[in-house]
N, C-alpha and C. Protein backbone atom coordinates (compact mmCIF):
# COMPACT_ATOMS: atom_id res chain seq x y z
N MET A 1 23.44 5.24 3.77
CA MET A 1 24.44 5.06 2.65
C MET A 1 25.13 6.41 2.42
N ILE A 2 26.36 6.52 2.89
CA ILE A 2 27.06 7.84 2.87
C ILE A 2 27.51 8.08 1.46
N PHE A 3 27.91 7.19 0.60
CA PHE A 3 28.35 7.44 -0.74
C PHE A 3 27.02 7.30 -1.58
N SER A 4 26.85 8.47 -2.28
CA SER A 4 25.50 8.66 -3.05
C SER A 4 26.04 9.17 -4.46
N PRO A 5 25.85 8.23 -5.46
CA PRO A 5 26.14 8.59 -6.93
C PRO A 5 25.35 9.80 -7.40
N SER A 6 24.11 10.01 -6.90
CA SER A 6 23.23 11.18 -7.37
C SER A 6 23.97 12.47 -7.01
N ALA A 7 24.90 12.52 -6.05
CA ALA A 7 25.53 13.73 -5.66
C ALA A 7 26.40 14.24 -6.69
N TRP A 8 27.31 13.34 -7.29
CA TRP A 8 27.99 13.84 -8.28
C TRP A 8 27.70 13.69 -9.69
N LEU A 9 26.37 13.00 -9.89
CA LEU A 9 25.72 12.96 -11.11
C LEU A 9 24.73 14.04 -11.51
N THR A 10 24.46 14.82 -10.26
CA THR A 10 23.50 15.94 -10.54
C THR A 10 23.91 16.93 -11.57
N PRO A 11 25.20 17.33 -11.69
CA PRO A 11 25.51 18.27 -12.76
C PRO A 11 25.25 17.76 -14.13
N PHE A 12 25.38 16.27 -14.36
CA PHE A 12 25.09 15.72 -15.65
C PHE A 12 23.55 15.77 -15.89
N PHE A 13 22.74 15.55 -14.82
CA PHE A 13 21.31 15.46 -15.08
C PHE A 13 20.87 16.95 -15.35
N ASN A 14 21.47 18.03 -14.77
CA ASN A 14 21.00 19.32 -14.91
C ASN A 14 21.32 19.94 -16.33
N THR A 15 22.21 19.36 -17.09
CA THR A 15 22.60 19.83 -18.38
C THR A 15 21.74 19.03 -19.47
N PRO A 16 21.13 19.82 -20.50
CA PRO A 16 20.30 19.40 -21.34
C PRO A 16 20.90 18.18 -22.24
N LEU A 17 22.30 18.35 -22.39
CA LEU A 17 23.02 17.31 -23.28
C LEU A 17 23.00 15.97 -22.66
N TRP A 18 23.24 16.03 -21.26
CA TRP A 18 23.33 14.67 -20.64
C TRP A 18 22.09 14.24 -19.98
N ARG A 19 20.87 14.97 -20.05
CA ARG A 19 19.77 14.59 -19.50
C ARG A 19 19.08 13.19 -19.96
N ALA A 20 19.10 13.18 -21.25
CA ALA A 20 18.56 11.83 -21.92
C ALA A 20 19.60 10.68 -21.38
N GLY A 21 20.95 10.88 -21.42
CA GLY A 21 21.88 9.90 -21.13
C GLY A 21 21.71 9.41 -19.69
N GLY A 22 21.47 10.66 -18.80
CA GLY A 22 21.42 10.32 -17.34
C GLY A 22 20.13 9.44 -17.10
N VAL A 23 18.96 9.76 -17.89
CA VAL A 23 17.64 9.07 -17.60
C VAL A 23 18.01 7.49 -18.09
N SER A 24 18.57 7.26 -19.24
CA SER A 24 18.84 5.96 -19.67
C SER A 24 19.77 5.25 -18.64
N ILE A 25 20.79 5.93 -18.00
CA ILE A 25 21.77 5.34 -17.20
C ILE A 25 20.91 4.85 -15.96
N THR A 26 19.91 5.80 -15.47
CA THR A 26 19.17 5.50 -14.33
C THR A 26 18.26 4.19 -14.60
N LEU A 27 17.58 4.16 -15.65
CA LEU A 27 16.81 3.12 -16.13
C LEU A 27 17.67 1.90 -16.05
N GLY A 28 18.86 2.01 -16.69
CA GLY A 28 19.77 0.85 -16.78
C GLY A 28 20.13 0.24 -15.38
N TRP A 29 20.35 1.10 -14.36
CA TRP A 29 20.68 0.61 -13.09
C TRP A 29 19.56 0.04 -12.42
N ILE A 30 18.22 0.56 -12.62
CA ILE A 30 17.01 -0.02 -12.11
C ILE A 30 16.79 -1.37 -12.71
N VAL A 31 17.01 -1.66 -13.99
CA VAL A 31 16.73 -2.84 -14.62
C VAL A 31 17.80 -3.80 -14.05
N SER A 32 19.02 -3.50 -14.02
CA SER A 32 20.18 -4.25 -13.50
C SER A 32 19.89 -4.79 -12.09
N ILE A 33 19.47 -3.88 -11.31
CA ILE A 33 19.30 -4.25 -9.97
C ILE A 33 18.13 -5.17 -9.85
N PHE A 34 17.01 -4.91 -10.60
CA PHE A 34 15.82 -5.83 -10.65
C PHE A 34 16.38 -7.26 -11.05
N VAL A 35 17.15 -7.40 -12.24
CA VAL A 35 17.46 -8.50 -12.76
C VAL A 35 18.36 -9.42 -11.65
N LEU A 36 19.34 -8.61 -10.98
CA LEU A 36 20.06 -9.20 -9.96
C LEU A 36 19.26 -9.79 -8.92
N PHE A 37 18.26 -8.92 -8.47
CA PHE A 37 17.31 -9.50 -7.44
C PHE A 37 16.56 -10.77 -7.73
N VAL A 38 16.09 -10.72 -8.94
CA VAL A 38 15.44 -11.96 -9.48
C VAL A 38 16.26 -13.25 -9.57
N LEU A 39 17.56 -12.96 -9.99
CA LEU A 39 18.52 -14.12 -10.12
C LEU A 39 18.86 -14.62 -8.62
N VAL A 40 19.06 -13.69 -7.74
CA VAL A 40 19.37 -14.13 -6.27
C VAL A 40 18.16 -14.85 -5.78
N THR A 41 16.96 -14.33 -5.98
CA THR A 41 15.85 -15.00 -5.43
C THR A 41 15.66 -16.35 -6.12
N CYS A 42 15.95 -16.62 -7.37
CA CYS A 42 15.83 -17.79 -8.03
C CYS A 42 16.90 -18.74 -7.43
N LEU A 43 18.18 -18.35 -7.31
CA LEU A 43 19.10 -19.11 -6.63
C LEU A 43 18.90 -19.58 -5.34
N THR A 44 18.26 -18.64 -4.60
CA THR A 44 17.95 -19.03 -3.13
C THR A 44 16.92 -20.04 -3.09
N ILE A 45 15.88 -19.94 -3.90
CA ILE A 45 14.86 -20.95 -3.95
C ILE A 45 15.44 -22.26 -4.45
N ALA A 46 16.32 -22.37 -5.47
CA ALA A 46 16.96 -23.58 -6.11
C ALA A 46 17.72 -24.15 -4.89
N PHE A 47 18.51 -23.47 -4.09
CA PHE A 47 19.36 -24.07 -3.25
C PHE A 47 18.51 -24.56 -2.13
N LYS A 48 17.36 -23.88 -1.66
CA LYS A 48 16.56 -24.34 -0.65
C LYS A 48 15.79 -25.62 -0.94
N SER A 49 15.40 -25.82 -2.14
CA SER A 49 14.72 -27.09 -2.54
C SER A 49 15.51 -28.38 -2.56
């Protein structure tokens, strides 16, 4: 993956003001990806049955 969000998000993570926001954004991305994965899996199972 050539484009990496962490490359241009690094300055935000390094500043104390944005550290908490950066962590919450990261957790939000992880949760979103997990939810999307679960939805895709459920849809795949539903279509296969």
